[in-house]
Amino acid sequence: MTIVMDAAALNAFLETEFPQVAGDYIVDSLSEDSLVARLRVGQGHLRPGGTVSGPSMFALADLAVYCAILSRIGPVGLAVTTNASIDFMRKPVAGVDLLAECRILKLGRVLAVADALIRSEGMTEPVARCSMTYSIPPKQG
């Protein structure tokens, strides 16, 4: 799959279109095979017990998949999640950034399917796994 938006372009898009999350979630790297997004874990992402909240991890996976798709189709703001499943497998390390590595499994004209593995930075075991399907709007002619 050809990359049409690199990590810098994706981060600029996030800053412009989603300023409410741009400081917390960023695209770290992008290759032909995968995209890595980061959650800069702060106090607002933690829940009692010293762990990162499920909604924060879900948002990281959603952003990673969204950006992976946009990296291939360009800045289509109206691509939306149509299905999502997340498995929380272990407790993330509190105070450590989370990284989501995303792979696009299928990129069609109308639907895209991808998965993301979330890890605490520096750890090998995933803390969550997410599978998502996105709807891609028709091209405006």
C-alpha atoms as a PDB file:
ATOM      1  CA  MET A   1       0.000   0.000   0.000  1.00  0.00           C
ATOM      2  CA  THR A   2       1.331   3.384  -0.953  1.00  0.00           C
ATOM      3  CA  ILE A   3       1.799   5.979   1.773  1.00  0.00           C
ATOM      4  CA  VAL A   4       0.182   9.303   0.836  1.00  0.00           C
ATOM      5  CA  MET A   5       0.471  11.013   4.268  1.00  0.00           C
ATOM      6  CA  ASP A   6       3.615  10.593   6.376  1.00  0.00           C
ATOM      7  CA  ALA A   7       3.788  10.847  10.187  1.00  0.00           C
ATOM      8  CA  ALA A   8       4.408  14.616  10.095  1.00  0.00           C
ATOM      9  CA  ALA A   9       1.394  15.181   7.822  1.00  0.00           C
ATOM     10  CA  LEU A  10      -0.802  12.985  10.031  1.00  0.00           C
ATOM     11  CA  ASN A  11       0.256  14.852  13.177  1.00  0.00           C
ATOM     12  CA  ALA A  12      -0.417  18.186  11.471  1.00  0.00           C
ATOM     13  CA  PHE A  13      -3.864  16.910  10.428  1.00  0.00           C
ATOM     14  CA  LEU A  14      -4.592  15.875  14.030  1.00  0.00           C
ATOM     15  CA  GLU A  15      -3.508  19.266  15.355  1.00  0.00           C
ATOM     16  CA  THR A  16      -5.793  21.043  12.882  1.00  0.00           C
ATOM     17  CA  GLU A  17      -8.842  18.765  12.870  1.00  0.00           C
ATOM     18  CA  PHE A  18      -8.698  17.280  16.386  1.00  0.00           C
ATOM     19  CA  PRO A  19      -6.961  19.837  18.621  1.00  0.00           C
ATOM     20  CA  GLN A  20      -8.685  18.355  21.682  1.00  0.00           C
ATOM     21  CA  VAL A  21      -6.520  15.202  21.454  1.00  0.00           C
ATOM     22  CA  ALA A  22      -3.478  16.334  19.472  1.00  0.00           C
ATOM     23  CA  GLY A  23      -1.358  16.918  22.582  1.00  0.00           C
ATOM     24  CA  ASP A  24      -2.075  13.504  24.070  1.00  0.00           C
ATOM     25  CA  TYR A  25      -2.039  11.254  21.009  1.00  0.00           C
ATOM     26  CA  ILE A  26       0.614  11.404  18.287  1.00  0.00           C
ATOM     27  CA  VAL A  27       1.848   9.299  15.394  1.00  0.00           C
ATOM     28  CA  ASP A  28       5.351   8.114  16.278  1.00  0.00           C
ATOM     29  CA  SER A  29       6.262   6.245  13.101  1.00  0.00           C
ATOM     30  CA  LEU A  30       4.898   4.888   9.867  1.00  0.00           C
ATOM     31  CA  SER A  31       6.108   2.235   7.448  1.00  0.00           C
ATOM     32  CA  GLU A  32       4.653   0.278   4.538  1.00  0.00           C
ATOM     33  CA  ASP A  33       3.503  -2.388   7.020  1.00  0.00           C
ATOM     34  CA  SER A  34       2.445  -0.565  10.171  1.00  0.00           C
ATOM     35  CA  LEU A  35       1.829   2.647  12.054  1.00  0.00           C
ATOM     36  CA  VAL A  36       2.790   3.306  15.675  1.00  0.00           C
ATOM     37  CA  ALA A  37       0.794   5.852  17.664  1.00  0.00           C
ATOM     38  CA  ARG A  38       1.573   7.047  21.175  1.00  0.00           C
ATOM     39  CA  LEU A  39      -0.563   8.036  24.119  1.00  0.00           C
ATOM     40  CA  ARG A  40       1.373  10.430  26.305  1.00  0.00           C
ATOM     41  CA  VAL A  41      -0.037   9.074  29.547  1.00  0.00           C
ATOM     42  CA  GLY A  42      -0.923  11.822  31.996  1.00  0.00           C
ATOM     43  CA  GLN A  43      -2.906  12.090  35.197  1.00  0.00           C
ATOM     44  CA  GLY A  44      -6.152  12.488  33.232  1.00  0.00           C
ATOM     45  CA  HIS A  45      -5.709   9.037  31.671  1.00  0.00           C
ATOM     46  CA  LEU A  46      -5.359   7.163  34.945  1.00  0.00           C
ATOM     47  CA  ARG A  47      -8.081   5.453  36.927  1.00  0.00           C
ATOM     48  CA  PRO A  48      -8.101   4.263  40.544  1.00  0.00           C
ATOM     49  CA  GLY A  49      -5.596   1.498  41.110  1.00  0.00           C
ATOM     50  CA  GLY A  50      -2.859   3.243  39.133  1.00  0.00           C
ATOM     51  CA  THR A  51      -3.729   1.984  35.666  1.00  0.00           C
ATOM     52  CA  VAL A  52      -4.551   3.623  32.358  1.00  0.00           C
ATOM     53  CA  SER A  53      -8.307   3.821  31.758  1.00  0.00           C
ATOM     54  CA  GLY A  54     -10.008   1.645  29.158  1.00  0.00           C
ATOM     55  CA  PRO A  55     -11.443   4.658  27.300  1.00  0.00           C
ATOM     56  CA  SER A  56      -7.928   6.115  26.933  1.00  0.00           C
ATOM     57  CA  MET A  57      -6.622   2.819  25.512  1.00  0.00           C
ATOM     58  CA  PHE A  58      -9.612   2.544  23.170  1.00  0.00           C
ATOM     59  CA  ALA A  59      -9.012   6.113  21.956  1.00  0.00           C
ATOM     60  CA  LEU A  60      -5.370   5.250  21.244  1.00  0.00           C
ATOM     61  CA  ALA A  61      -6.362   2.205  19.175  1.00  0.00           C
ATOM     62  CA  ASP A  62      -9.038   4.191  17.328  1.00  0.00           C
ATOM     63  CA  LEU A  63      -6.628   7.011  16.540  1.00  0.00           C
ATOM     64  CA  ALA A  64      -3.937   4.551  15.367  1.00  0.00           C
ATOM     65  CA  VAL A  65      -6.337   2.788  13.005  1.00  0.00           C
ATOM     66  CA  TYR A  66      -7.781   6.089  11.741  1.00  0.00           C
ATOM     67  CA  CYS A  67      -4.310   7.477  11.019  1.00  0.00           C
ATOM     68  CA  ALA A  68      -3.141   4.246   9.377  1.00  0.00           C
ATOM     69  CA  ILE A  69      -6.093   4.459   7.005  1.00  0.00           C
ATOM     70  CA  LEU A  70      -5.556   8.167   6.306  1.00  0.00           C
ATOM     71  CA  SER A  71      -1.890   7.477   5.599  1.00  0.00           C
ATOM     72  CA  ARG A  72      -3.112   5.437   2.614  1.00  0.00           C
ATOM     73  CA  ILE A  73      -6.172   7.418   1.420  1.00  0.00           C
ATOM     74  CA  GLY A  74      -5.279  10.994   2.396  1.00  0.00           C
ATOM     75  CA  PRO A  75      -7.002  13.473   4.728  1.00  0.00           C
ATOM     76  CA  VAL A  76     -10.569  12.140   4.669  1.00  0.00           C
ATOM     77  CA  GLY A  77     -12.035  13.590   7.852  1.00  0.00           C
ATOM     78  CA  LEU A  78     -15.331  11.740   7.514  1.00  0.00           C
ATOM     79  CA  ALA A  79     -13.922   8.195   7.607  1.00  0.00           C
ATOM     80  CA  VAL A  80     -15.640   6.718  10.663  1.00  0.00           C
ATOM     81  CA  THR A  81     -15.508   3.651  12.887  1.00  0.00           C
ATOM     82  CA  THR A  82     -18.317   1.213  12.116  1.00  0.00           C
ATOM     83  CA  ASN A  83     -17.219  -1.692  14.307  1.00  0.00           C
ATOM     84  CA  ALA A  84     -14.747  -2.170  17.142  1.00  0.00           C
ATOM     85  CA  SER A  85     -13.731  -4.921  19.512  1.00  0.00           C
ATOM     86  CA  ILE A  86     -11.102  -4.568  22.219  1.00  0.00           C
ATOM     87  CA  ASP A  87      -9.597  -7.142  24.557  1.00  0.00           C
ATOM     88  CA  PHE A  88      -7.912  -5.816  27.695  1.00  0.00           C
ATOM     89  CA  MET A  89      -5.255  -8.414  28.492  1.00  0.00           C
ATOM     90  CA  ARG A  90      -3.079  -7.021  31.279  1.00  0.00           C
ATOM     91  CA  LYS A  91      -2.668  -3.932  33.411  1.00  0.00           C
ATOM     92  CA  PRO A  92      -0.631  -1.181  31.713  1.00  0.00           C
ATOM     93  CA  VAL A  93       2.283   0.318  33.594  1.00  0.00           C
ATOM     94  CA  ALA A  94       1.146   3.578  35.207  1.00  0.00           C
ATOM     95  CA  GLY A  95       3.172   6.649  34.302  1.00  0.00           C
ATOM     96  CA  VAL A  96       4.529   5.077  31.106  1.00  0.00           C
ATOM     97  CA  ASP A  97       3.378   6.019  27.608  1.00  0.00           C
ATOM     98  CA  LEU A  98       1.329   3.505  25.650  1.00  0.00           C
ATOM     99  CA  LEU A  99       2.180   2.558  22.072  1.00  0.00           C
ATOM    100  CA  ALA A 100      -0.315   1.123  19.596  1.00  0.00           C
ATOM    101  CA  GLU A 101       1.091  -0.727  16.609  1.00  0.00           C
ATOM    102  CA  CYS A 102      -1.512  -0.872  13.874  1.00  0.00           C
ATOM    103  CA  ARG A 103      -1.715  -3.015  10.742  1.00  0.00           C
ATOM    104  CA  ILE A 104      -4.230  -2.554   7.954  1.00  0.00           C
ATOM    105  CA  LEU A 105      -5.613  -5.964   7.058  1.00  0.00           C
ATOM    106  CA  LYS A 106      -7.894  -4.834   4.212  1.00  0.00           C
ATOM    107  CA  LEU A 107      -8.309  -1.496   2.508  1.00  0.00           C
ATOM    108  CA  GLY A 108     -11.242  -1.436   0.131  1.00  0.00           C
ATOM    109  CA  ARG A 109     -13.183   1.357  -1.554  1.00  0.00           C
ATOM    110  CA  VAL A 110     -15.861   1.445   1.166  1.00  0.00           C
ATOM    111  CA  LEU A 111     -14.466  -0.421   4.193  1.00  0.00           C
ATOM    112  CA  ALA A 112     -11.100  -0.772   5.887  1.00  0.00           C
ATOM    113  CA  VAL A 113     -10.252  -3.406   8.489  1.00  0.00           C
ATOM    114  CA  ALA A 114      -7.272  -3.068  10.832  1.00  0.00           C
ATOM    115  CA  ASP A 115      -5.943  -4.297  14.134  1.00  0.00           C
ATOM    116  CA  ALA A 116      -3.850  -2.663  16.835  1.00  0.00           C
ATOM    117  CA  LEU A 117      -1.712  -4.078  19.629  1.00  0.00           C
ATOM    118  CA  ILE A 118      -1.189  -1.768  22.592  1.00  0.00           C
ATOM    119  CA  ARG A 119       1.887  -2.060  24.805  1.00  0.00           C
ATOM    120  CA  SER A 120       3.343  -0.058  27.656  1.00  0.00           C
ATOM    121  CA  GLU A 121       6.512   1.546  26.309  1.00  0.00           C
ATOM    122  CA  GLY A 122       9.502  -0.697  26.962  1.00  0.00           C
ATOM    123  CA  MET A 123       7.377  -3.805  27.549  1.00  0.00           C
ATOM    124  CA  THR A 124       6.988  -6.717  25.112  1.00  0.00           C
ATOM    125  CA  GLU A 125       3.667  -8.147  26.284  1.00  0.00           C
ATOM    126  CA  PRO A 126       0.575  -6.398  24.888  1.00  0.00           C
ATOM    127  CA  VAL A 127      -1.889  -4.844  27.322  1.00  0.00           C
ATOM    128  CA  ALA A 128      -4.762  -4.744  24.799  1.00  0.00           C
ATOM    129  CA  ARG A 129      -5.696  -5.889  21.314  1.00  0.00           C
ATOM    130  CA  CYS A 130      -8.228  -4.102  19.162  1.00  0.00           C
ATOM    131  CA  SER A 131      -9.887  -4.912  15.845  1.00  0.00           C
ATOM    132  CA  MET A 132     -11.704  -2.142  13.961  1.00  0.00           C
ATOM    133  CA  THR A 133     -13.625  -1.577  10.770  1.00  0.00           C
ATOM    134  CA  TYR A 134     -13.905   1.876   9.233  1.00  0.00           C
ATOM    135  CA  SER A 135     -16.334   3.191   6.650  1.00  0.00           C
ATOM    136  CA  ILE A 136     -14.681   5.272   3.945  1.00  0.00           C
ATOM    137  CA  PRO A 137     -16.954   7.908   2.391  1.00  0.00           C
ATOM    138  CA  PRO A 138     -17.272   8.077  -1.409  1.00  0.00           C
ATOM    139  CA  LYS A 139     -14.782  10.348  -3.136  1.00  0.00           C
ATOM    140  CA  GLN A 140     -16.140  13.769  -3.926  1.00  0.00           C
ATOM    141  CA  GLY A 141     -15.819  14.429  -7.621  1.00  0.00           C
END
